[in-house]
Amino acid sequence: MASVAWSGGSDASEEFKSTGIACETSGGVEGFATEYRRRRLNFLNISQSSLAEVGYCIHVALRLGYIKENTAAELDLEIRKVGAPLAGLIASERLTINSQTVGVILFVFLLGSRLF
């Protein structure tokens, strides 16, 4: 993983705050542990959005001169390594939710047709 050298010798978090960028942690672990698929999908989407924000923060840090281009490229590669499986998880959850929804609709339709 790439190391980041911060200018001015100050605390990195203080320097990042001075740029007006807020970095937060995601509740992805809590969301993925839930049994409810739609809630899990929501947390995965939040995680994907947070990952995109990290990418933007790296872009800003590069433009402001906090990191070098090779460091930004390494970090971008790491983001892609995380983003690809995350996108796969999101697609899998959506497919599961959609197939469950179709199953319920078919069940209700068949049940209704037998009652009438």
PDB file of N, CA and C in Angstrom:
ATOM      1  N   MET A   1       0.855  -1.182   0.000  1.00  0.00           N
ATOM      2  CA  MET A   1       0.000   0.000   0.000  1.00  0.00           C
ATOM      3  C   MET A   1       0.894   1.237   0.000  1.00  0.00           C
ATOM      4  N   ALA A   2       0.469   2.265  -0.602  1.00  0.00           N
ATOM      5  CA  ALA A   2       1.244   3.499  -0.716  1.00  0.00           C
ATOM      6  C   ALA A   2       1.232   4.273   0.590  1.00  0.00           C
ATOM      7  N   SER A   3       2.337   4.913   0.878  1.00  0.00           N
ATOM      8  CA  SER A   3       2.373   5.778   2.052  1.00  0.00           C
ATOM      9  C   SER A   3       2.192   7.220   1.593  1.00  0.00           C
ATOM     10  N   VAL A   4       1.603   8.008   2.461  1.00  0.00           N
ATOM     11  CA  VAL A   4       1.306   9.397   2.115  1.00  0.00           C
ATOM     12  C   VAL A   4       2.128  10.308   3.008  1.00  0.00           C
ATOM     13  N   ALA A   5       2.879  11.210   2.416  1.00  0.00           N
ATOM     14  CA  ALA A   5       3.662  12.177   3.178  1.00  0.00           C
ATOM     15  C   ALA A   5       2.899  13.491   3.229  1.00  0.00           C
ATOM     16  N   TRP A   6       2.638  13.968   4.426  1.00  0.00           N
ATOM     17  CA  TRP A   6       1.883  15.204   4.591  1.00  0.00           C
ATOM     18  C   TRP A   6       2.843  16.356   4.812  1.00  0.00           C
ATOM     19  N   SER A   7       2.594  17.480   4.179  1.00  0.00           N
ATOM     20  CA  SER A   7       3.472  18.639   4.282  1.00  0.00           C
ATOM     21  C   SER A   7       3.244  19.387   5.586  1.00  0.00           C
ATOM     22  N   GLY A   8       4.216  20.153   5.992  1.00  0.00           N
ATOM     23  CA  GLY A   8       4.061  21.037   7.136  1.00  0.00           C
ATOM     24  C   GLY A   8       4.283  20.387   8.486  1.00  0.00           C
ATOM     25  N   GLY A   9       4.440  19.085   8.531  1.00  0.00           N
ATOM     26  CA  GLY A   9       4.722  18.410   9.782  1.00  0.00           C
ATOM     27  C   GLY A   9       3.575  18.413  10.777  1.00  0.00           C
ATOM     28  N   SER A  10       2.390  18.879  10.391  1.00  0.00           N
ATOM     29  CA  SER A  10       1.263  18.900  11.314  1.00  0.00           C
ATOM     30  C   SER A  10       0.547  17.569  11.293  1.00  0.00           C
ATOM     31  N   ASP A  11      -0.392  17.419  12.177  1.00  0.00           N
ATOM     32  CA  ASP A  11      -1.207  16.216  12.225  1.00  0.00           C
ATOM     33  C   ASP A  11      -1.978  16.078  10.919  1.00  0.00           C
ATOM     34  N   ALA A  12      -1.975  14.885  10.323  1.00  0.00           N
ATOM     35  CA  ALA A  12      -2.601  14.673   9.018  1.00  0.00           C
ATOM     36  C   ALA A  12      -4.085  14.986   9.035  1.00  0.00           C
ATOM     37  N   SER A  13      -4.762  14.611  10.113  1.00  0.00           N
ATOM     38  CA  SER A  13      -6.205  14.871  10.151  1.00  0.00           C
ATOM     39  C   SER A  13      -6.495  16.362  10.194  1.00  0.00           C
ATOM     40  N   GLU A  14      -5.681  17.112  10.895  1.00  0.00           N
ATOM     41  CA  GLU A  14      -5.867  18.564  10.940  1.00  0.00           C
ATOM     42  C   GLU A  14      -5.614  19.175   9.564  1.00  0.00           C
ATOM     43  N   GLU A  15      -4.600  18.673   8.878  1.00  0.00           N
ATOM     44  CA  GLU A  15      -4.292  19.202   7.559  1.00  0.00           C
ATOM     45  C   GLU A  15      -5.414  18.872   6.578  1.00  0.00           C
ATOM     46  N   PHE A  16      -5.963  17.676   6.692  1.00  0.00           N
ATOM     47  CA  PHE A  16      -7.058  17.289   5.810  1.00  0.00           C
ATOM     48  C   PHE A  16      -8.291  18.126   6.105  1.00  0.00           C
ATOM     49  N   LYS A  17      -8.549  18.417   7.377  1.00  0.00           N
ATOM     50  CA  LYS A  17      -9.683  19.259   7.743  1.00  0.00           C
ATOM     51  C   LYS A  17      -9.542  20.660   7.151  1.00  0.00           C
ATOM     52  N   SER A  18      -8.305  21.139   7.066  1.00  0.00           N
ATOM     53  CA  SER A  18      -8.097  22.495   6.568  1.00  0.00           C
ATOM     54  C   SER A  18      -8.440  22.598   5.085  1.00  0.00           C
ATOM     55  N   THR A  19      -8.486  21.481   4.380  1.00  0.00           N
ATOM     56  CA  THR A  19      -8.855  21.520   2.967  1.00  0.00           C
ATOM     57  C   THR A  19     -10.359  21.523   2.784  1.00  0.00           C
ATOM     58  N   GLY A  20     -11.097  21.313   3.864  1.00  0.00           N
ATOM     59  CA  GLY A  20     -12.552  21.317   3.782  1.00  0.00           C
ATOM     60  C   GLY A  20     -13.131  19.979   3.372  1.00  0.00           C
ATOM     61  N   ILE A  21     -12.358  18.918   3.516  1.00  0.00           N
ATOM     62  CA  ILE A  21     -12.823  17.593   3.136  1.00  0.00           C
ATOM     63  C   ILE A  21     -13.112  16.800   4.401  1.00  0.00           C
ATOM     64  N   ALA A  22     -14.288  16.202   4.452  1.00  0.00           N
ATOM     65  CA  ALA A  22     -14.655  15.365   5.589  1.00  0.00           C
ATOM     66  C   ALA A  22     -14.560  13.910   5.185  1.00  0.00           C
ATOM     67  N   CYS A  23     -13.898  13.120   5.980  1.00  0.00           N
ATOM     68  CA  CYS A  23     -13.805  11.685   5.722  1.00  0.00           C
ATOM     69  C   CYS A  23     -14.526  10.957   6.845  1.00  0.00           C
ATOM     70  N   GLU A  24     -15.386  10.033   6.462  1.00  0.00           N
ATOM     71  CA  GLU A  24     -16.159   9.282   7.437  1.00  0.00           C
ATOM     72  C   GLU A  24     -15.953   7.803   7.204  1.00  0.00           C
ATOM     73  N   THR A  25     -16.241   6.998   8.218  1.00  0.00           N
ATOM     74  CA  THR A  25     -16.200   5.561   8.051  1.00  0.00           C
ATOM     75  C   THR A  25     -17.608   5.070   7.777  1.00  0.00           C
ATOM     76  N   SER A  26     -17.694   3.978   7.054  1.00  0.00           N
ATOM     77  CA  SER A  26     -18.989   3.429   6.679  1.00  0.00           C
ATOM     78  C   SER A  26     -19.395   2.343   7.656  1.00  0.00           C
ATOM     79  N   GLY A  27     -20.687   2.162   7.793  1.00  0.00           N
ATOM     80  CA  GLY A  27     -21.208   1.073   8.619  1.00  0.00           C
ATOM     81  C   GLY A  27     -21.386  -0.184   7.801  1.00  0.00           C
ATOM     82  N   GLY A  28     -20.512  -0.441   6.866  1.00  0.00           N
ATOM     83  CA  GLY A  28     -20.643  -1.576   5.967  1.00  0.00           C
ATOM     84  C   GLY A  28     -20.644  -2.909   6.664  1.00  0.00           C
ATOM     85  N   VAL A  29     -19.823  -3.059   7.686  1.00  0.00           N
ATOM     86  CA  VAL A  29     -19.764  -4.328   8.394  1.00  0.00           C
ATOM     87  C   VAL A  29     -21.088  -4.598   9.095  1.00  0.00           C
ATOM     88  N   GLU A  30     -21.619  -3.608   9.757  1.00  0.00           N
ATOM     89  CA  GLU A  30     -22.903  -3.783  10.436  1.00  0.00           C
ATOM     90  C   GLU A  30     -24.003  -4.096   9.431  1.00  0.00           C
ATOM     91  N   GLY A  31     -23.986  -3.452   8.306  1.00  0.00           N
ATOM     92  CA  GLY A  31     -25.010  -3.659   7.300  1.00  0.00           C
ATOM     93  C   GLY A  31     -24.919  -5.021   6.653  1.00  0.00           C
ATOM     94  N   PHE A  32     -23.706  -5.513   6.459  1.00  0.00           N
ATOM     95  CA  PHE A  32     -23.565  -6.804   5.804  1.00  0.00           C
ATOM     96  C   PHE A  32     -23.940  -7.947   6.735  1.00  0.00           C
ATOM     97  N   ALA A  33     -23.876  -7.715   8.037  1.00  0.00           N
ATOM     98  CA  ALA A  33     -24.209  -8.752   9.001  1.00  0.00           C
ATOM     99  C   ALA A  33     -25.716  -8.942   9.162  1.00  0.00           C
ATOM    100  N   THR A  34     -26.502  -8.053   8.622  1.00  0.00           N
ATOM    101  CA  THR A  34     -27.952  -8.151   8.771  1.00  0.00           C
ATOM    102  C   THR A  34     -28.525  -9.256   7.895  1.00  0.00           C
ATOM    103  N   GLU A  35     -29.661  -9.793   8.314  1.00  0.00           N
ATOM    104  CA  GLU A  35     -30.323 -10.847   7.556  1.00  0.00           C
ATOM    105  C   GLU A  35     -31.254 -10.282   6.487  1.00  0.00           C
ATOM    106  N   TYR A  36     -31.562  -9.026   6.546  1.00  0.00           N
ATOM    107  CA  TYR A  36     -32.485  -8.421   5.601  1.00  0.00           C
ATOM    108  C   TYR A  36     -31.741  -7.967   4.357  1.00  0.00           C
ATOM    109  N   ARG A  37     -32.082  -8.555   3.243  1.00  0.00           N
ATOM    110  CA  ARG A  37     -31.330  -8.330   2.000  1.00  0.00           C
ATOM    111  C   ARG A  37     -31.390  -6.885   1.519  1.00  0.00           C
ATOM    112  N   ARG A  38     -32.543  -6.248   1.597  1.00  0.00           N
ATOM    113  CA  ARG A  38     -32.636  -4.854   1.130  1.00  0.00           C
ATOM    114  C   ARG A  38     -31.781  -3.932   1.999  1.00  0.00           C
ATOM    115  N   ARG A  39     -31.759  -4.202   3.279  1.00  0.00           N
ATOM    116  CA  ARG A  39     -30.922  -3.398   4.173  1.00  0.00           C
ATOM    117  C   ARG A  39     -29.439  -3.642   3.867  1.00  0.00           C
ATOM    118  N   ARG A  40     -29.084  -4.905   3.620  1.00  0.00           N
ATOM    119  CA  ARG A  40     -27.703  -5.243   3.261  1.00  0.00           C
ATOM    120  C   ARG A  40     -27.317  -4.543   1.965  1.00  0.00           C
ATOM    121  N   LEU A  41     -28.225  -4.545   0.985  1.00  0.00           N
ATOM    122  CA  LEU A  41     -27.955  -3.871  -0.282  1.00  0.00           C
ATOM    123  C   LEU A  41     -27.751  -2.375  -0.069  1.00  0.00           C
ATOM    124  N   ASN A  42     -28.541  -1.794   0.808  1.00  0.00           N
ATOM    125  CA  ASN A  42     -28.391  -0.376   1.119  1.00  0.00           C
ATOM    126  C   ASN A  42     -26.999  -0.090   1.691  1.00  0.00           C
ATOM    127  N   PHE A  43     -26.548  -0.916   2.625  1.00  0.00           N
ATOM    128  CA  PHE A  43     -25.213  -0.713   3.195  1.00  0.00           C
ATOM    129  C   PHE A  43     -24.117  -0.923   2.156  1.00  0.00           C
ATOM    130  N   LEU A  44     -24.302  -1.889   1.259  1.00  0.00           N
ATOM    131  CA  LEU A  44     -23.317  -2.081   0.196  1.00  0.00           C
ATOM    132  C   LEU A  44     -23.269  -0.872  -0.729  1.00  0.00           C
ATOM    133  N   ASN A  45     -24.424  -0.305  -1.031  1.00  0.00           N
ATOM    134  CA  ASN A  45     -24.459   0.909  -1.859  1.00  0.00           C
ATOM    135  C   ASN A  45     -23.786   2.077  -1.149  1.00  0.00           C
ATOM    136  N   ILE A  46     -23.996   2.190   0.161  1.00  0.00           N
ATOM    137  CA  ILE A  46     -23.326   3.237   0.934  1.00  0.00           C
ATOM    138  C   ILE A  46     -21.819   3.030   0.897  1.00  0.00           C
ATOM    139  N   SER A  47     -21.395   1.776   1.030  1.00  0.00           N
ATOM    140  CA  SER A  47     -19.965   1.467   0.977  1.00  0.00           C
ATOM    141  C   SER A  47     -19.379   1.830  -0.377  1.00  0.00           C
ATOM    142  N   GLN A  48     -20.113   1.544  -1.436  1.00  0.00           N
ATOM    143  CA  GLN A  48     -19.640   1.887  -2.780  1.00  0.00           C
ATOM    144  C   GLN A  48     -19.536   3.405  -2.949  1.00  0.00           C
ATOM    145  N   SER A  49     -20.502   4.127  -2.419  1.00  0.00           N
ATOM    146  CA  SER A  49     -20.456   5.592  -2.475  1.00  0.00           C
ATOM    147  C   SER A  49     -19.277   6.133  -1.673  1.00  0.00           C
ATOM    148  N   SER A  50     -19.038   5.542  -0.508  1.00  0.00           N
ATOM    149  CA  SER A  50     -17.905   5.970   0.322  1.00  0.00           C
ATOM    150  C   SER A  50     -16.588   5.711  -0.391  1.00  0.00           C
ATOM    151  N   LEU A  51     -16.504   4.588  -1.080  1.00  0.00           N
ATOM    152  CA  LEU A  51     -15.293   4.280  -1.838  1.00  0.00           C
ATOM    153  C   LEU A  51     -15.083   5.307  -2.954  1.00  0.00           C
ATOM    154  N   ALA A  52     -16.163   5.725  -3.589  1.00  0.00           N
ATOM    155  CA  ALA A  52     -16.057   6.761  -4.617  1.00  0.00           C
ATOM    156  C   ALA A  52     -15.584   8.082  -4.006  1.00  0.00           C
ATOM    157  N   GLU A  53     -16.041   8.379  -2.790  1.00  0.00           N
ATOM    158  CA  GLU A  53     -15.600   9.594  -2.104  1.00  0.00           C
ATOM    159  C   GLU A  53     -14.111   9.533  -1.796  1.00  0.00           C
ATOM    160  N   VAL A  54     -13.624   8.359  -1.410  1.00  0.00           N
ATOM    161  CA  VAL A  54     -12.191   8.197  -1.153  1.00  0.00           C
ATOM    162  C   VAL A  54     -11.412   8.486  -2.434  1.00  0.00           C
ATOM    163  N   GLY A  55     -11.924   7.977  -3.557  1.00  0.00           N
ATOM    164  CA  GLY A  55     -11.271   8.251  -4.834  1.00  0.00           C
ATOM    165  C   GLY A  55     -11.211   9.739  -5.130  1.00  0.00           C
ATOM    166  N   TYR A  56     -12.296  10.428  -4.817  1.00  0.00           N
ATOM    167  CA  TYR A  56     -12.312  11.872  -5.034  1.00  0.00           C
ATOM    168  C   TYR A  56     -11.324  12.572  -4.091  1.00  0.00           C
ATOM    169  N   CYS A  57     -11.252  12.112  -2.852  1.00  0.00           N
ATOM    170  CA  CYS A  57     -10.305  12.705  -1.895  1.00  0.00           C
ATOM    171  C   CYS A  57      -8.870  12.522  -2.372  1.00  0.00           C
ATOM    172  N   ILE A  58      -8.579  11.388  -2.966  1.00  0.00           N
ATOM    173  CA  ILE A  58      -7.241  11.151  -3.509  1.00  0.00           C
ATOM    174  C   ILE A  58      -6.979  12.122  -4.664  1.00  0.00           C
ATOM    175  N   HIS A  59      -7.979  12.322  -5.511  1.00  0.00           N
ATOM    176  CA  HIS A  59      -7.849  13.269  -6.616  1.00  0.00           C
ATOM    177  C   HIS A  59      -7.574  14.683  -6.092  1.00  0.00           C
ATOM    178  N   VAL A  60      -8.317  15.074  -5.063  1.00  0.00           N
ATOM    179  CA  VAL A  60      -8.125  16.406  -4.480  1.00  0.00           C
ATOM    180  C   VAL A  60      -6.737  16.519  -3.851  1.00  0.00           C
ATOM    181  N   ALA A  61      -6.331  15.472  -3.118  1.00  0.00           N
ATOM    182  CA  ALA A  61      -5.011  15.488  -2.480  1.00  0.00           C
ATOM    183  C   ALA A  61      -3.909  15.609  -3.527  1.00  0.00           C
ATOM    184  N   LEU A  62      -4.078  14.959  -4.652  1.00  0.00           N
ATOM    185  CA  LEU A  62      -3.101  15.063  -5.733  1.00  0.00           C
ATOM    186  C   LEU A  62      -3.070  16.481  -6.297  1.00  0.00           C
ATOM    187  N   ARG A  63      -4.238  17.038  -6.566  1.00  0.00           N
ATOM    188  CA  ARG A  63      -4.295  18.399  -7.139  1.00  0.00           C
ATOM    189  C   ARG A  63      -3.751  19.454  -6.187  1.00  0.00           C
ATOM    190  N   LEU A  64      -3.920  19.221  -4.863  1.00  0.00           N
ATOM    191  CA  LEU A  64      -3.409  20.176  -3.882  1.00  0.00           C
ATOM    192  C   LEU A  64      -1.938  19.958  -3.556  1.00  0.00           C
ATOM    193  N   GLY A  65      -1.375  18.902  -4.105  1.00  0.00           N
ATOM    194  CA  GLY A  65       0.046  18.641  -3.900  1.00  0.00           C
ATOM    195  C   GLY A  65       0.368  17.878  -2.624  1.00  0.00           C
ATOM    196  N   TYR A  66      -0.629  17.287  -1.982  1.00  0.00           N
ATOM    197  CA  TYR A  66      -0.381  16.510  -0.759  1.00  0.00           C
ATOM    198  C   TYR A  66       0.249  15.164  -1.065  1.00  0.00           C
ATOM    199  N   ILE A  67      -0.039  14.613  -2.229  1.00  0.00           N
ATOM    200  CA  ILE A  67       0.540  13.336  -2.633  1.00  0.00           C
ATOM    201  C   ILE A  67       1.074  13.464  -4.056  1.00  0.00           C
ATOM    202  N   LYS A  68       1.993  12.548  -4.387  1.00  0.00           N
ATOM    203  CA  LYS A  68       2.571  12.539  -5.725  1.00  0.00           C
ATOM    204  C   LYS A  68       1.715  11.687  -6.652  1.00  0.00           C
ATOM    205  N   GLU A  69       1.951  11.854  -7.952  1.00  0.00           N
ATOM    206  CA  GLU A  69       1.136  11.153  -8.947  1.00  0.00           C
ATOM    207  C   GLU A  69       1.261   9.639  -8.837  1.00  0.00           C
ATOM    208  N   ASN A  70       2.472   9.144  -8.560  1.00  0.00           N
ATOM    209  CA  ASN A  70       2.623   7.690  -8.447  1.00  0.00           C
ATOM    210  C   ASN A  70       1.885   7.146  -7.225  1.00  0.00           C
ATOM    211  N   THR A  71       1.860   7.915  -6.147  1.00  0.00           N
ATOM    212  CA  THR A  71       1.112   7.509  -4.954  1.00  0.00           C
ATOM    213  C   THR A  71      -0.379   7.493  -5.252  1.00  0.00           C
ATOM    214  N   ALA A  72      -0.862   8.511  -5.962  1.00  0.00           N
ATOM    215  CA  ALA A  72      -2.275   8.566  -6.333  1.00  0.00           C
ATOM    216  C   ALA A  72      -2.643   7.378  -7.222  1.00  0.00           C
ATOM    217  N   ALA A  73      -1.745   7.012  -8.134  1.00  0.00           N
ATOM    218  CA  ALA A  73      -2.003   5.872  -9.016  1.00  0.00           C
ATOM    219  C   ALA A  73      -2.071   4.567  -8.216  1.00  0.00           C
ATOM    220  N   GLU A  74      -1.181   4.413  -7.243  1.00  0.00           N
ATOM    221  CA  GLU A  74      -1.204   3.214  -6.393  1.00  0.00           C
ATOM    222  C   GLU A  74      -2.494   3.143  -5.580  1.00  0.00           C
ATOM    223  N   LEU A  75      -2.887   4.269  -5.024  1.00  0.00           N
ATOM    224  CA  LEU A  75      -4.118   4.302  -4.238  1.00  0.00           C
ATOM    225  C   LEU A  75      -5.343   4.040  -5.112  1.00  0.00           C
ATOM    226  N   ASP A  76      -5.332   4.574  -6.330  1.00  0.00           N
ATOM    227  CA  ASP A  76      -6.433   4.336  -7.256  1.00  0.00           C
ATOM    228  C   ASP A  76      -6.540   2.844  -7.586  1.00  0.00           C
ATOM    229  N   LEU A  77      -5.401   2.192  -7.750  1.00  0.00           N
ATOM    230  CA  LEU A  77      -5.404   0.753  -8.003  1.00  0.00           C
ATOM    231  C   LEU A  77      -6.006  -0.005  -6.815  1.00  0.00           C
ATOM    232  N   GLU A  78      -5.657   0.402  -5.610  1.00  0.00           N
ATOM    233  CA  GLU A  78      -6.218  -0.233  -4.412  1.00  0.00           C
ATOM    234  C   GLU A  78      -7.734  -0.030  -4.347  1.00  0.00           C
ATOM    235  N   ILE A  79      -8.183   1.149  -4.712  1.00  0.00           N
ATOM    236  CA  ILE A  79      -9.631   1.422  -4.732  1.00  0.00           C
ATOM    237  C   ILE A  79     -10.321   0.509  -5.736  1.00  0.00           C
ATOM    238  N   ARG A  80      -9.707   0.323  -6.890  1.00  0.00           N
ATOM    239  CA  ARG A  80     -10.290  -0.566  -7.899  1.00  0.00           C
ATOM    240  C   ARG A  80     -10.323  -2.013  -7.420  1.00  0.00           C
ATOM    241  N   LYS A  81      -9.292  -2.411  -6.666  1.00  0.00           N
ATOM    242  CA  LYS A  81      -9.255  -3.776  -6.128  1.00  0.00           C
ATOM    243  C   LYS A  81     -10.386  -4.017  -5.135  1.00  0.00           C
ATOM    244  N   VAL A  82     -10.767  -3.000  -4.411  1.00  0.00           N
ATOM    245  CA  VAL A  82     -11.887  -3.108  -3.476  1.00  0.00           C
ATOM    246  C   VAL A  82     -13.209  -2.946  -4.210  1.00  0.00           C
ATOM    247  N   GLY A  83     -13.247  -2.055  -5.176  1.00  0.00           N
ATOM    248  CA  GLY A  83     -14.487  -1.733  -5.880  1.00  0.00           C
ATOM    249  C   GLY A  83     -15.032  -2.862  -6.735  1.00  0.00           C
ATOM    250  N   ALA A  84     -14.162  -3.646  -7.350  1.00  0.00           N
ATOM    251  CA  ALA A  84     -14.630  -4.721  -8.229  1.00  0.00           C
ATOM    252  C   ALA A  84     -15.423  -5.788  -7.470  1.00  0.00           C
ATOM    253  N   PRO A  85     -14.886  -6.345  -6.375  1.00  0.00           N
ATOM    254  CA  PRO A  85     -15.695  -7.329  -5.641  1.00  0.00           C
ATOM    255  C   PRO A  85     -16.935  -6.709  -5.005  1.00  0.00           C
ATOM    256  N   LEU A  86     -16.835  -5.461  -4.604  1.00  0.00           N
ATOM    257  CA  LEU A  86     -17.991  -4.776  -4.025  1.00  0.00           C
ATOM    258  C   LEU A  86     -19.109  -4.655  -5.058  1.00  0.00           C
ATOM    259  N   ALA A  87     -18.758  -4.321  -6.275  1.00  0.00           N
ATOM    260  CA  ALA A  87     -19.754  -4.244  -7.351  1.00  0.00           C
ATOM    261  C   ALA A  87     -20.375  -5.619  -7.601  1.00  0.00           C
ATOM    262  N   GLY A  88     -19.564  -6.666  -7.507  1.00  0.00           N
ATOM    263  CA  GLY A  88     -20.082  -8.022  -7.652  1.00  0.00           C
ATOM    264  C   GLY A  88     -21.062  -8.395  -6.554  1.00  0.00           C
ATOM    265  N   LEU A  89     -20.741  -8.012  -5.313  1.00  0.00           N
ATOM    266  CA  LEU A  89     -21.659  -8.266  -4.197  1.00  0.00           C
ATOM    267  C   LEU A  89     -22.980  -7.539  -4.393  1.00  0.00           C
ATOM    268  N   ILE A  90     -22.901  -6.303  -4.844  1.00  0.00           N
ATOM    269  CA  ILE A  90     -24.123  -5.520  -5.072  1.00  0.00           C
ATOM    270  C   ILE A  90     -24.975  -6.175  -6.161  1.00  0.00           C
ATOM    271  N   ALA A  91     -24.344  -6.593  -7.243  1.00  0.00           N
ATOM    272  CA  ALA A  91     -25.088  -7.247  -8.326  1.00  0.00           C
ATOM    273  C   ALA A  91     -25.721  -8.549  -7.832  1.00  0.00           C
ATOM    274  N   SER A  92     -24.994  -9.303  -7.029  1.00  0.00           N
ATOM    275  CA  SER A  92     -25.516 -10.565  -6.499  1.00  0.00           C
ATOM    276  C   SER A  92     -26.712 -10.328  -5.575  1.00  0.00           C
ATOM    277  N   GLU A  93     -26.614  -9.331  -4.712  1.00  0.00           N
ATOM    278  CA  GLU A  93     -27.721  -9.016  -3.803  1.00  0.00           C
ATOM    279  C   GLU A  93     -28.953  -8.572  -4.586  1.00  0.00           C
ATOM    280  N   ARG A  94     -28.747  -7.738  -5.607  1.00  0.00           N
ATOM    281  CA  ARG A  94     -29.878  -7.284  -6.423  1.00  0.00           C
ATOM    282  C   ARG A  94     -30.558  -8.459  -7.126  1.00  0.00           C
ATOM    283  N   LEU A  95     -29.747  -9.361  -7.648  1.00  0.00           N
ATOM    284  CA  LEU A  95     -30.294 -10.530  -8.324  1.00  0.00           C
ATOM    285  C   LEU A  95     -31.103 -11.388  -7.353  1.00  0.00           C
ATOM    286  N   THR A  96     -30.583 -11.583  -6.151  1.00  0.00           N
ATOM    287  CA  THR A  96     -31.283 -12.372  -5.144  1.00  0.00           C
ATOM    288  C   THR A  96     -32.596 -11.707  -4.747  1.00  0.00           C
ATOM    289  N   ILE A  97     -32.572 -10.415  -4.538  1.00  0.00           N
ATOM    290  CA  ILE A  97     -33.787  -9.680  -4.164  1.00  0.00           C
ATOM    291  C   ILE A  97     -34.817  -9.776  -5.285  1.00  0.00           C
ATOM    292  N   ASN A  98     -34.376  -9.573  -6.527  1.00  0.00           N
ATOM    293  CA  ASN A  98     -35.299  -9.624  -7.656  1.00  0.00           C
ATOM    294  C   ASN A  98     -35.902 -11.016  -7.830  1.00  0.00           C
ATOM    295  N   SER A  99     -35.081 -12.058  -7.660  1.00  0.00           N
ATOM    296  CA  SER A  99     -35.616 -13.410  -7.828  1.00  0.00           C
ATOM    297  C   SER A  99     -36.583 -13.758  -6.701  1.00  0.00           C
ATOM    298  N   GLN A 100     -36.309 -13.283  -5.484  1.00  0.00           N
ATOM    299  CA  GLN A 100     -37.238 -13.517  -4.372  1.00  0.00           C
ATOM    300  C   GLN A 100     -38.560 -12.789  -4.622  1.00  0.00           C
ATOM    301  N   THR A 101     -38.480 -11.586  -5.145  1.00  0.00           N
ATOM    302  CA  THR A 101     -39.684 -10.807  -5.439  1.00  0.00           C
ATOM    303  C   THR A 101     -40.533 -11.508  -6.494  1.00  0.00           C
ATOM    304  N   VAL A 102     -39.895 -12.003  -7.535  1.00  0.00           N
ATOM    305  CA  VAL A 102     -40.618 -12.718  -8.591  1.00  0.00           C
ATOM    306  C   VAL A 102     -41.262 -13.976  -8.009  1.00  0.00           C
ATOM    307  N   GLY A 103     -40.548 -14.681  -7.140  1.00  0.00           N
ATOM    308  CA  GLY A 103     -41.104 -15.878  -6.512  1.00  0.00           C
ATOM    309  C   GLY A 103     -42.340 -15.579  -5.692  1.00  0.00           C
ATOM    310  N   VAL A 104     -42.315 -14.505  -4.948  1.00  0.00           N
ATOM    311  CA  VAL A 104     -43.475 -14.120  -4.135  1.00  0.00           C
ATOM    312  C   VAL A 104     -44.648 -13.750  -5.028  1.00  0.00           C
ATOM    313  N   ILE A 105     -44.388 -13.010  -6.091  1.00  0.00           N
ATOM    314  CA  ILE A 105     -45.460 -12.613  -7.017  1.00  0.00           C
ATOM    315  C   ILE A 105     -46.097 -13.844  -7.654  1.00  0.00           C
ATOM    316  N   LEU A 106     -45.268 -14.792  -8.091  1.00  0.00           N
ATOM    317  CA  LEU A 106     -45.806 -16.021  -8.684  1.00  0.00           C
ATOM    318  C   LEU A 106     -46.622 -16.816  -7.672  1.00  0.00           C
ATOM    319  N   PHE A 107     -46.129 -16.887  -6.447  1.00  0.00           N
ATOM    320  CA  PHE A 107     -46.852 -17.614  -5.400  1.00  0.00           C
ATOM    321  C   PHE A 107     -48.225 -16.984  -5.162  1.00  0.00           C
ATOM    322  N   VAL A 108     -48.270 -15.691  -5.052  1.00  0.00           N
ATOM    323  CA  VAL A 108     -49.536 -14.984  -4.814  1.00  0.00           C
ATOM    324  C   VAL A 108     -50.463 -15.187  -6.011  1.00  0.00           C
ATOM    325  N   PHE A 109     -49.940 -15.115  -7.206  1.00  0.00           N
ATOM    326  CA  PHE A 109     -50.751 -15.328  -8.404  1.00  0.00           C
ATOM    327  C   PHE A 109     -51.339 -16.727  -8.430  1.00  0.00           C
ATOM    328  N   LEU A 110     -50.499 -17.750  -8.167  1.00  0.00           N
ATOM    329  CA  LEU A 110     -50.989 -19.131  -8.165  1.00  0.00           C
ATOM    330  C   LEU A 110     -52.005 -19.359  -7.051  1.00  0.00           C
ATOM    331  N   LEU A 111     -51.746 -18.820  -5.898  1.00  0.00           N
ATOM    332  CA  LEU A 111     -52.672 -18.946  -4.773  1.00  0.00           C
ATOM    333  C   LEU A 111     -54.008 -18.276  -5.103  1.00  0.00           C
ATOM    334  N   GLY A 112     -53.944 -17.106  -5.699  1.00  0.00           N
ATOM    335  CA  GLY A 112     -55.165 -16.382  -6.086  1.00  0.00           C
ATOM    336  C   GLY A 112     -55.944 -17.116  -7.156  1.00  0.00           C
ATOM    337  N   SER A 113     -55.259 -17.734  -8.098  1.00  0.00           N
ATOM    338  CA  SER A 113     -55.963 -18.439  -9.179  1.00  0.00           C
ATOM    339  C   SER A 113     -56.656 -19.703  -8.669  1.00  0.00           C
ATOM    340  N   ARG A 114     -56.138 -20.295  -7.616  1.00  0.00           N
ATOM    341  CA  ARG A 114     -56.769 -21.494  -7.053  1.00  0.00           C
ATOM    342  C   ARG A 114     -57.977 -21.136  -6.196  1.00  0.00           C
ATOM    343  N   LEU A 115     -57.978 -19.935  -5.635  1.00  0.00           N
ATOM    344  CA  LEU A 115     -59.094 -19.534  -4.789  1.00  0.00           C
ATOM    345  C   LEU A 115     -60.316 -19.129  -5.605  1.00  0.00           C
ATOM    346  N   PHE A 116     -60.098 -18.695  -6.822  1.00  0.00           N
ATOM    347  CA  PHE A 116     -61.227 -18.207  -7.627  1.00  0.00           C
ATOM    348  C   PHE A 116     -61.536 -19.151  -8.716  1.00  0.00           C
TER     349      PHE A 116
END
